[in-house]
Every structure is written in structure tokens, then in C-alpha cells.
Amino acid sequence: KRRLLVFCLPAQAILLRYMKPDPEAKLFALRRDNYGAVIRRACLQAKVAPFVPYQLRHSVATRLVDEVGLEAAQAMLGHSDATMT
């Protein structure tokens, strides 16, 4: 499923460093099975409590619903059903 990701200007400036000439190319070569390990390693380096990636997505989803409403959050998260959001 394709999703449109929206980034603020400071985030765009950071991501530009990693962009590839092919607009269809993946930005980062992370797989689902190693993404959690990357997050844990970054947490240890930053000396913050480790978390699982789902917690981050859940926090963002909750904040989106509060700030922009259910329908907009549903669209941004790529959910086909509002009950998922």
C-alpha cells in the first residue's frame, strides 16, 4: 500500500542528504525484522528508555486525532477504516 508522507521543512532538509536520484528508490534500507533492533540501538546510544516502533506510531496517531481530527488522521495514517484509527 502506498502512502503519502508529509515532513516539516527541517525534516525535509535532513532527509535531502539521503535522497537518491531515482524518486522510486527506498530512502532507507530497513526491513521490518531489523527495524526494532535499530530503534533499540539508537535508544541505548541516546541513553533513553528503549521502545518498540509501534509505540511511536500509536503516539503520533493519538496526537493527530486530537490535533487534526479523525478523518484527517485516518488519511495521513493510511487507514481504510476509521475504527483502525
PDB file of N, CA and C in Angstrom:
ATOM      1  N   LYS A   1       0.845  -1.173   0.000  1.00  0.00           N
ATOM      2  CA  LYS A   1       0.000   0.000   0.000  1.00  0.00           C
ATOM      3  C   LYS A   1       0.892   1.239   0.000  1.00  0.00           C
ATOM      4  N   ARG A   2       0.644   2.149  -0.907  1.00  0.00           N
ATOM      5  CA  ARG A   2       1.431   3.385  -0.979  1.00  0.00           C
ATOM      6  C   ARG A   2       0.839   4.409  -0.036  1.00  0.00           C
ATOM      7  N   ARG A   3       1.713   5.191   0.577  1.00  0.00           N
ATOM      8  CA  ARG A   3       1.280   6.244   1.484  1.00  0.00           C
ATOM      9  C   ARG A   3       2.016   7.534   1.151  1.00  0.00           C
ATOM     10  N   LEU A   4       1.358   8.632   1.376  1.00  0.00           N
ATOM     11  CA  LEU A   4       1.974   9.934   1.219  1.00  0.00           C
ATOM     12  C   LEU A   4       2.481  10.356   2.587  1.00  0.00           C
ATOM     13  N   LEU A   5       3.769  10.623   2.681  1.00  0.00           N
ATOM     14  CA  LEU A   5       4.361  11.052   3.943  1.00  0.00           C
ATOM     15  C   LEU A   5       4.618  12.548   3.878  1.00  0.00           C
ATOM     16  N   VAL A   6       4.249  13.246   4.939  1.00  0.00           N
ATOM     17  CA  VAL A   6       4.395  14.695   4.997  1.00  0.00           C
ATOM     18  C   VAL A   6       5.438  15.022   6.069  1.00  0.00           C
ATOM     19  N   PHE A   7       6.440  15.813   5.692  1.00  0.00           N
ATOM     20  CA  PHE A   7       7.512  16.177   6.618  1.00  0.00           C
ATOM     21  C   PHE A   7       7.611  17.691   6.712  1.00  0.00           C
ATOM     22  N   CYS A   8       7.880  18.198   7.917  1.00  0.00           N
ATOM     23  CA  CYS A   8       8.093  19.636   8.101  1.00  0.00           C
ATOM     24  C   CYS A   8       9.397  20.030   7.405  1.00  0.00           C
ATOM     25  N   LEU A   9       9.597  21.327   7.209  1.00  0.00           N
ATOM     26  CA  LEU A   9      10.783  21.805   6.477  1.00  0.00           C
ATOM     27  C   LEU A   9      12.111  21.378   7.099  1.00  0.00           C
ATOM     28  N   PRO A  10      12.284  21.443   8.435  1.00  0.00           N
ATOM     29  CA  PRO A  10      13.559  20.975   8.989  1.00  0.00           C
ATOM     30  C   PRO A  10      13.807  19.486   8.711  1.00  0.00           C
ATOM     31  N   ALA A  11      12.760  18.678   8.782  1.00  0.00           N
ATOM     32  CA  ALA A  11      12.910  17.246   8.496  1.00  0.00           C
ATOM     33  C   ALA A  11      13.250  17.042   7.022  1.00  0.00           C
ATOM     34  N   GLN A  12      12.632  17.829   6.132  1.00  0.00           N
ATOM     35  CA  GLN A  12      12.938  17.724   4.708  1.00  0.00           C
ATOM     36  C   GLN A  12      14.409  18.033   4.445  1.00  0.00           C
ATOM     37  N   ALA A  13      14.942  19.037   5.119  1.00  0.00           N
ATOM     38  CA  ALA A  13      16.344  19.403   4.930  1.00  0.00           C
ATOM     39  C   ALA A  13      17.264  18.253   5.333  1.00  0.00           C
ATOM     40  N   ILE A  14      16.927  17.567   6.414  1.00  0.00           N
ATOM     41  CA  ILE A  14      17.728  16.424   6.854  1.00  0.00           C
ATOM     42  C   ILE A  14      17.615  15.281   5.854  1.00  0.00           C
ATOM     43  N   LEU A  15      16.399  14.986   5.416  1.00  0.00           N
ATOM     44  CA  LEU A  15      16.182  13.858   4.504  1.00  0.00           C
ATOM     45  C   LEU A  15      16.807  14.078   3.130  1.00  0.00           C
ATOM     46  N   LEU A  16      16.946  15.328   2.713  1.00  0.00           N
ATOM     47  CA  LEU A  16      17.558  15.609   1.408  1.00  0.00           C
ATOM     48  C   LEU A  16      18.955  15.026   1.286  1.00  0.00           C
ATOM     49  N   ARG A  17      19.657  14.937   2.425  1.00  0.00           N
ATOM     50  CA  ARG A  17      21.013  14.373   2.404  1.00  0.00           C
ATOM     51  C   ARG A  17      21.016  12.902   1.990  1.00  0.00           C
ATOM     52  N   TYR A  18      19.890  12.230   2.180  1.00  0.00           N
ATOM     53  CA  TYR A  18      19.811  10.792   1.929  1.00  0.00           C
ATOM     54  C   TYR A  18      19.060  10.449   0.640  1.00  0.00           C
ATOM     55  N   MET A  19      18.539  11.447  -0.043  1.00  0.00           N
ATOM     56  CA  MET A  19      17.749  11.202  -1.249  1.00  0.00           C
ATOM     57  C   MET A  19      18.626  10.622  -2.356  1.00  0.00           C
ATOM     58  N   LYS A  20      18.027   9.730  -3.125  1.00  0.00           N
ATOM     59  CA  LYS A  20      18.712   9.106  -4.250  1.00  0.00           C
ATOM     60  C   LYS A  20      18.161   9.701  -5.551  1.00  0.00           C
ATOM     61  N   PRO A  21      18.923   9.617  -6.649  1.00  0.00           N
ATOM     62  CA  PRO A  21      18.445  10.190  -7.921  1.00  0.00           C
ATOM     63  C   PRO A  21      17.113   9.599  -8.384  1.00  0.00           C
ATOM     64  N   ASP A  22      16.875   8.328  -8.112  1.00  0.00           N
ATOM     65  CA  ASP A  22      15.635   7.673  -8.516  1.00  0.00           C
ATOM     66  C   ASP A  22      14.544   7.967  -7.484  1.00  0.00           C
ATOM     67  N   PRO A  23      13.480   8.701  -7.855  1.00  0.00           N
ATOM     68  CA  PRO A  23      12.437   9.041  -6.886  1.00  0.00           C
ATOM     69  C   PRO A  23      11.672   7.823  -6.357  1.00  0.00           C
ATOM     70  N   GLU A  24      11.769   6.693  -7.043  1.00  0.00           N
ATOM     71  CA  GLU A  24      11.086   5.476  -6.585  1.00  0.00           C
ATOM     72  C   GLU A  24      11.965   4.635  -5.647  1.00  0.00           C
ATOM     73  N   ALA A  25      13.224   5.005  -5.506  1.00  0.00           N
ATOM     74  CA  ALA A  25      14.150   4.232  -4.662  1.00  0.00           C
ATOM     75  C   ALA A  25      13.785   4.397  -3.187  1.00  0.00           C
ATOM     76  N   LYS A  26      14.032   3.341  -2.420  1.00  0.00           N
ATOM     77  CA  LYS A  26      13.781   3.411  -0.988  1.00  0.00           C
ATOM     78  C   LYS A  26      14.764   4.383  -0.350  1.00  0.00           C
ATOM     79  N   LEU A  27      14.275   5.138   0.608  1.00  0.00           N
ATOM     80  CA  LEU A  27      15.119   6.122   1.276  1.00  0.00           C
ATOM     81  C   LEU A  27      16.113   5.446   2.206  1.00  0.00           C
ATOM     82  N   PHE A  28      15.638   4.504   3.003  1.00  0.00           N
ATOM     83  CA  PHE A  28      16.490   3.754   3.916  1.00  0.00           C
ATOM     84  C   PHE A  28      16.267   2.269   3.694  1.00  0.00           C
ATOM     85  N   ALA A  29      17.311   1.493   3.758  1.00  0.00           N
ATOM     86  CA  ALA A  29      17.219   0.049   3.531  1.00  0.00           C
ATOM     87  C   ALA A  29      16.956  -0.671   4.858  1.00  0.00           C
ATOM     88  N   LEU A  30      15.802  -0.416   5.445  1.00  0.00           N
ATOM     89  CA  LEU A  30      15.427  -1.092   6.687  1.00  0.00           C
ATOM     90  C   LEU A  30      14.340  -2.107   6.395  1.00  0.00           C
ATOM     91  N   ARG A  31      14.470  -3.258   7.017  1.00  0.00           N
ATOM     92  CA  ARG A  31      13.433  -4.283   6.900  1.00  0.00           C
ATOM     93  C   ARG A  31      12.655  -4.311   8.210  1.00  0.00           C
ATOM     94  N   ARG A  32      11.425  -4.816   8.143  1.00  0.00           N
ATOM     95  CA  ARG A  32      10.593  -4.893   9.353  1.00  0.00           C
ATOM     96  C   ARG A  32      11.270  -5.701  10.452  1.00  0.00           C
ATOM     97  N   ASP A  33      11.999  -6.732  10.069  1.00  0.00           N
ATOM     98  CA  ASP A  33      12.585  -7.605  11.088  1.00  0.00           C
ATOM     99  C   ASP A  33      13.811  -6.993  11.773  1.00  0.00           C
ATOM    100  N   ASN A  34      14.407  -5.942  11.213  1.00  0.00           N
ATOM    101  CA  ASN A  34      15.547  -5.333  11.905  1.00  0.00           C
ATOM    102  C   ASN A  34      15.280  -3.901  12.361  1.00  0.00           C
ATOM    103  N   TYR A  35      14.123  -3.369  12.042  1.00  0.00           N
ATOM    104  CA  TYR A  35      13.775  -2.002  12.417  1.00  0.00           C
ATOM    105  C   TYR A  35      13.761  -1.829  13.936  1.00  0.00           C
ATOM    106  N   GLY A  36      13.180  -2.769  14.652  1.00  0.00           N
ATOM    107  CA  GLY A  36      13.143  -2.704  16.112  1.00  0.00           C
ATOM    108  C   GLY A  36      14.532  -2.700  16.721  1.00  0.00           C
ATOM    109  N   ALA A  37      15.427  -3.488  16.155  1.00  0.00           N
ATOM    110  CA  ALA A  37      16.805  -3.542  16.653  1.00  0.00           C
ATOM    111  C   ALA A  37      17.514  -2.207  16.439  1.00  0.00           C
ATOM    112  N   VAL A  38      17.243  -1.563  15.321  1.00  0.00           N
ATOM    113  CA  VAL A  38      17.841  -0.256  15.037  1.00  0.00           C
ATOM    114  C   VAL A  38      17.344   0.771  16.059  1.00  0.00           C
ATOM    115  N   ILE A  39      16.052   0.731  16.360  1.00  0.00           N
ATOM    116  CA  ILE A  39      15.472   1.650  17.346  1.00  0.00           C
ATOM    117  C   ILE A  39      16.092   1.401  18.726  1.00  0.00           C
ATOM    118  N   ARG A  40      16.196   0.132  19.128  1.00  0.00           N
ATOM    119  CA  ARG A  40      16.781  -0.189  20.440  1.00  0.00           C
ATOM    120  C   ARG A  40      18.220   0.315  20.542  1.00  0.00           C
ATOM    121  N   ARG A  41      19.005   0.099  19.490  1.00  0.00           N
ATOM    122  CA  ARG A  41      20.401   0.534  19.488  1.00  0.00           C
ATOM    123  C   ARG A  41      20.493   2.062  19.587  1.00  0.00           C
ATOM    124  N   ALA A  42      19.627   2.763  18.858  1.00  0.00           N
ATOM    125  CA  ALA A  42      19.625   4.234  18.911  1.00  0.00           C
ATOM    126  C   ALA A  42      19.219   4.723  20.302  1.00  0.00           C
ATOM    127  N   CYS A  43      18.264   4.054  20.928  1.00  0.00           N
ATOM    128  CA  CYS A  43      17.841   4.429  22.288  1.00  0.00           C
ATOM    129  C   CYS A  43      18.994   4.261  23.276  1.00  0.00           C
ATOM    130  N   LEU A  44      19.719   3.166  23.156  1.00  0.00           N
ATOM    131  CA  LEU A  44      20.856   2.937  24.049  1.00  0.00           C
ATOM    132  C   LEU A  44      21.922   4.004  23.856  1.00  0.00           C
ATOM    133  N   GLN A  45      22.195   4.357  22.610  1.00  0.00           N
ATOM    134  CA  GLN A  45      23.189   5.395  22.326  1.00  0.00           C
ATOM    135  C   GLN A  45      22.744   6.749  22.863  1.00  0.00           C
ATOM    136  N   ALA A  46      21.433   7.025  22.780  1.00  0.00           N
ATOM    137  CA  ALA A  46      20.900   8.304  23.245  1.00  0.00           C
ATOM    138  C   ALA A  46      20.619   8.303  24.748  1.00  0.00           C
ATOM    139  N   LYS A  47      20.799   7.133  25.365  1.00  0.00           N
ATOM    140  CA  LYS A  47      20.557   6.971  26.804  1.00  0.00           C
ATOM    141  C   LYS A  47      19.126   7.332  27.196  1.00  0.00           C
ATOM    142  N   VAL A  48      18.181   6.830  26.363  1.00  0.00           N
ATOM    143  CA  VAL A  48      16.757   6.962  26.671  1.00  0.00           C
ATOM    144  C   VAL A  48      16.170   5.564  26.777  1.00  0.00           C
ATOM    145  N   ALA A  49      15.022   5.462  27.416  1.00  0.00           N
ATOM    146  CA  ALA A  49      14.374   4.162  27.587  1.00  0.00           C
ATOM    147  C   ALA A  49      14.006   3.578  26.226  1.00  0.00           C
ATOM    148  N   PRO A  50      14.380   2.322  25.971  1.00  0.00           N
ATOM    149  CA  PRO A  50      14.027   1.693  24.695  1.00  0.00           C
ATOM    150  C   PRO A  50      12.512   1.578  24.527  1.00  0.00           C
ATOM    151  N   PHE A  51      12.063   1.622  23.300  1.00  0.00           N
ATOM    152  CA  PHE A  51      10.642   1.460  22.981  1.00  0.00           C
ATOM    153  C   PHE A  51      10.525   0.667  21.691  1.00  0.00           C
ATOM    154  N   VAL A  52       9.343   0.179  21.423  1.00  0.00           N
ATOM    155  CA  VAL A  52       9.112  -0.533  20.163  1.00  0.00           C
ATOM    156  C   VAL A  52       8.517   0.457  19.167  1.00  0.00           C
ATOM    157  N   PRO A  53       8.782   0.282  17.873  1.00  0.00           N
ATOM    158  CA  PRO A  53       8.301   1.230  16.867  1.00  0.00           C
ATOM    159  C   PRO A  53       6.788   1.460  16.918  1.00  0.00           C
ATOM    160  N   TYR A  54       6.032   0.443  17.280  1.00  0.00           N
ATOM    161  CA  TYR A  54       4.575   0.606  17.329  1.00  0.00           C
ATOM    162  C   TYR A  54       4.185   1.703  18.311  1.00  0.00           C
ATOM    163  N   GLN A  55       4.915   1.834  19.421  1.00  0.00           N
ATOM    164  CA  GLN A  55       4.591   2.860  20.418  1.00  0.00           C
ATOM    165  C   GLN A  55       4.685   4.260  19.812  1.00  0.00           C
ATOM    166  N   LEU A  56       5.671   4.474  18.974  1.00  0.00           N
ATOM    167  CA  LEU A  56       5.848   5.769  18.328  1.00  0.00           C
ATOM    168  C   LEU A  56       4.679   6.052  17.388  1.00  0.00           C
ATOM    169  N   ARG A  57       4.313   5.064  16.575  1.00  0.00           N
ATOM    170  CA  ARG A  57       3.190   5.231  15.642  1.00  0.00           C
ATOM    171  C   ARG A  57       1.895   5.487  16.402  1.00  0.00           C
ATOM    172  N   HIS A  58       1.684   4.772  17.498  1.00  0.00           N
ATOM    173  CA  HIS A  58       0.472   4.943  18.298  1.00  0.00           C
ATOM    174  C   HIS A  58       0.415   6.358  18.891  1.00  0.00           C
ATOM    175  N   SER A  59       1.552   6.842  19.395  1.00  0.00           N
ATOM    176  CA  SER A  59       1.596   8.188  19.970  1.00  0.00           C
ATOM    177  C   SER A  59       1.285   9.247  18.916  1.00  0.00           C
ATOM    178  N   VAL A  60       1.863   9.091  17.744  1.00  0.00           N
ATOM    179  CA  VAL A  60       1.618  10.049  16.660  1.00  0.00           C
ATOM    180  C   VAL A  60       0.156   9.992  16.239  1.00  0.00           C
ATOM    181  N   ALA A  61      -0.410   8.793  16.126  1.00  0.00           N
ATOM    182  CA  ALA A  61      -1.812   8.652  15.722  1.00  0.00           C
ATOM    183  C   ALA A  61      -2.732   9.337  16.729  1.00  0.00           C
ATOM    184  N   THR A  62      -2.468   9.138  18.007  1.00  0.00           N
ATOM    185  CA  THR A  62      -3.291   9.759  19.051  1.00  0.00           C
ATOM    186  C   THR A  62      -3.218  11.282  18.948  1.00  0.00           C
ATOM    187  N   ARG A  63      -2.017  11.787  18.758  1.00  0.00           N
ATOM    188  CA  ARG A  63      -1.839  13.243  18.655  1.00  0.00           C
ATOM    189  C   ARG A  63      -2.518  13.796  17.402  1.00  0.00           C
ATOM    190  N   LEU A  64      -2.422  13.068  16.288  1.00  0.00           N
ATOM    191  CA  LEU A  64      -3.074  13.510  15.053  1.00  0.00           C
ATOM    192  C   LEU A  64      -4.576  13.626  15.239  1.00  0.00           C
ATOM    193  N   VAL A  65      -5.189  12.617  15.844  1.00  0.00           N
ATOM    194  CA  VAL A  65      -6.643  12.649  16.058  1.00  0.00           C
ATOM    195  C   VAL A  65      -7.005  13.875  16.893  1.00  0.00           C
ATOM    196  N   ASP A  66      -6.228  14.143  17.927  1.00  0.00           N
ATOM    197  CA  ASP A  66      -6.502  15.298  18.797  1.00  0.00           C
ATOM    198  C   ASP A  66      -6.330  16.626  18.061  1.00  0.00           C
ATOM    199  N   GLU A  67      -5.319  16.709  17.186  1.00  0.00           N
ATOM    200  CA  GLU A  67      -4.982  17.992  16.563  1.00  0.00           C
ATOM    201  C   GLU A  67      -5.683  18.268  15.234  1.00  0.00           C
ATOM    202  N   VAL A  68      -5.892  17.229  14.411  1.00  0.00           N
ATOM    203  CA  VAL A  68      -6.478  17.481  13.086  1.00  0.00           C
ATOM    204  C   VAL A  68      -7.798  16.760  12.864  1.00  0.00           C
ATOM    205  N   GLY A  69      -8.205  15.933  13.803  1.00  0.00           N
ATOM    206  CA  GLY A  69      -9.476  15.230  13.677  1.00  0.00           C
ATOM    207  C   GLY A  69      -9.306  13.818  13.131  1.00  0.00           C
ATOM    208  N   LEU A  70     -10.344  13.026  13.317  1.00  0.00           N
ATOM    209  CA  LEU A  70     -10.304  11.612  12.960  1.00  0.00           C
ATOM    210  C   LEU A  70     -10.104  11.371  11.468  1.00  0.00           C
ATOM    211  N   GLU A  71     -10.868  12.073  10.625  1.00  0.00           N
ATOM    212  CA  GLU A  71     -10.780  11.815   9.176  1.00  0.00           C
ATOM    213  C   GLU A  71      -9.405  12.169   8.613  1.00  0.00           C
ATOM    214  N   ALA A  72      -8.856  13.304   9.016  1.00  0.00           N
ATOM    215  CA  ALA A  72      -7.532  13.700   8.519  1.00  0.00           C
ATOM    216  C   ALA A  72      -6.467  12.726   9.027  1.00  0.00           C
ATOM    217  N   ALA A  73      -6.565  12.331  10.300  1.00  0.00           N
ATOM    218  CA  ALA A  73      -5.607  11.374  10.854  1.00  0.00           C
ATOM    219  C   ALA A  73      -5.701  10.044  10.119  1.00  0.00           C
ATOM    220  N   GLN A  74      -6.916   9.607   9.834  1.00  0.00           N
ATOM    221  CA  GLN A  74      -7.128   8.348   9.097  1.00  0.00           C
ATOM    222  C   GLN A  74      -6.428   8.403   7.740  1.00  0.00           C
ATOM    223  N   ALA A  75      -6.575   9.512   7.040  1.00  0.00           N
ATOM    224  CA  ALA A  75      -5.947   9.663   5.720  1.00  0.00           C
ATOM    225  C   ALA A  75      -4.427   9.678   5.838  1.00  0.00           C
ATOM    226  N   MET A  76      -3.899  10.417   6.819  1.00  0.00           N
ATOM    227  CA  MET A  76      -2.444  10.512   6.980  1.00  0.00           C
ATOM    228  C   MET A  76      -1.823   9.181   7.366  1.00  0.00           C
ATOM    229  N   LEU A  77      -2.552   8.379   8.137  1.00  0.00           N
ATOM    230  CA  LEU A  77      -2.021   7.097   8.585  1.00  0.00           C
ATOM    231  C   LEU A  77      -2.231   5.974   7.570  1.00  0.00           C
ATOM    232  N   GLY A  78      -3.034   6.258   6.547  1.00  0.00           N
ATOM    233  CA  GLY A  78      -3.286   5.258   5.514  1.00  0.00           C
ATOM    234  C   GLY A  78      -4.272   4.189   5.940  1.00  0.00           C
ATOM    235  N   HIS A  79      -5.127   4.514   6.903  1.00  0.00           N
ATOM    236  CA  HIS A  79      -6.122   3.542   7.355  1.00  0.00           C
ATOM    237  C   HIS A  79      -7.346   3.605   6.458  1.00  0.00           C
ATOM    238  N   SER A  80      -7.827   2.456   6.020  1.00  0.00           N
ATOM    239  CA  SER A  80      -9.010   2.431   5.165  1.00  0.00           C
ATOM    240  C   SER A  80     -10.303   2.485   5.979  1.00  0.00           C
ATOM    241  N   ASP A  81     -10.197   2.241   7.289  1.00  0.00           N
ATOM    242  CA  ASP A  81     -11.377   2.235   8.168  1.00  0.00           C
ATOM    243  C   ASP A  81     -11.085   3.094   9.399  1.00  0.00           C
ATOM    244  N   ALA A  82     -12.030   3.954   9.753  1.00  0.00           N
ATOM    245  CA  ALA A  82     -11.848   4.863  10.893  1.00  0.00           C
ATOM    246  C   ALA A  82     -11.714   4.115  12.207  1.00  0.00           C
ATOM    247  N   THR A  83     -12.254   2.900  12.310  1.00  0.00           N
ATOM    248  CA  THR A  83     -12.124   2.150  13.561  1.00  0.00           C
ATOM    249  C   THR A  83     -10.664   1.757  13.812  1.00  0.00           C
ATOM    250  N   MET A  84      -9.895   1.608  12.769  1.00  0.00           N
ATOM    251  CA  MET A  84      -8.474   1.304  12.926  1.00  0.00           C
ATOM    252  C   MET A  84      -7.744   2.506  13.539  1.00  0.00           C
ATOM    253  N   THR A  85      -8.148   3.700  13.113  1.00  0.00           N
ATOM    254  CA  THR A  85      -7.536   4.923  13.610  1.00  0.00           C
ATOM    255  C   THR A  85      -7.948   5.162  15.048  1.00  0.00           C
TER     256      THR A  85
END
